[in-house]
């Protein structure tokens, strides 16, 4: 048992967390005459290490996930979802959201396609909530920072929010709140050709390149913000605003994430730095969920597809769910301290 635990700890620290890379870069920074424990040297080490780590993990994860995704083109996904009804359909939609693109803006066109195809509104919203909030990539990255227990609970609660949110929207019967051009649209049922392994790998690699180009600026911005927080903002300030002394820290973090636009890869370095400075775990995870699910650009895009009432219900459900998740993790952290 101890050998298994040691092996897992090594995998999580050295493979997922790439701590060997941190030590290597720290040595290089020190060789340049800078102190890795100082502000400047520490910022340089944090920036280079986190950028390389996230982009490498990003490339591997997108390659694997995109290969899986090649088996679920939109038409096939619609057929799969069409076989289920009620709560089961919401669960399947939420699970399928975990193998789709990594940001809310990328998920909205698929949501529009599914709605135009005539799928129940609650089912399409379960997909729309889970797609940016939880995915296979987020599970692996969260494991590299917070450990496997936190990562699994985070993904499980994200799926619960997606299923519950979609079910509630279905019960409210808000189909009339979808814009007319989408309700009248119907996607053509195009048969999908069988792809060879080489075709799927080519598609997966193209997704790696395209996604890396799209998210790289946000990763660099996120790592830069994380480096500043990690090495320049006093720990006492972070603890005062986002620590146990502020019961509204979860709410503040959720609201603060809304104006930003990034996927989980861009929020990871900020979350890592906040946690290291003493921010509560629930606050950090609420911030990540707020950024990935409720970003202002994605809400503007979604407004083109749905009317204000439905948009408000969607934002309200997601916000309430994110805040509850934040306080849940804070309670767990408090009990374990």
Foldseek 3Di string as FASTA:
>chain_A
DVVVVVVVVCCLCCVLLVVVLLVVLQVVLVVVVDHCPALVNVLVSLLVSLLVNLLVLLLVVLLVLLLVCVVPDLLNVLVVLVVDDDLVSLLSLLQVLQSDDAFLQRLVVSLLQSVLQPHQQLSSQLSSQNNHQHHPSQLSNCCSQPNNVVSVVSSVLSNVLSSVLSNVVNVVPCNVQWDPVSNNHHDDNDDDDDDDPVRSSVSSNVSSVVVCVVQSVLQSVLSSLLSCLQHPDALVVLCCQQNPVDPCLQVVLLVVLAQAEHGLSSLSSNLNSSVVSHGQPLSSSLNNSSNRNRHPVSLVVVCVGGPPVVSVSSVVSSSVSSSVSSVVSNVVVVVVD
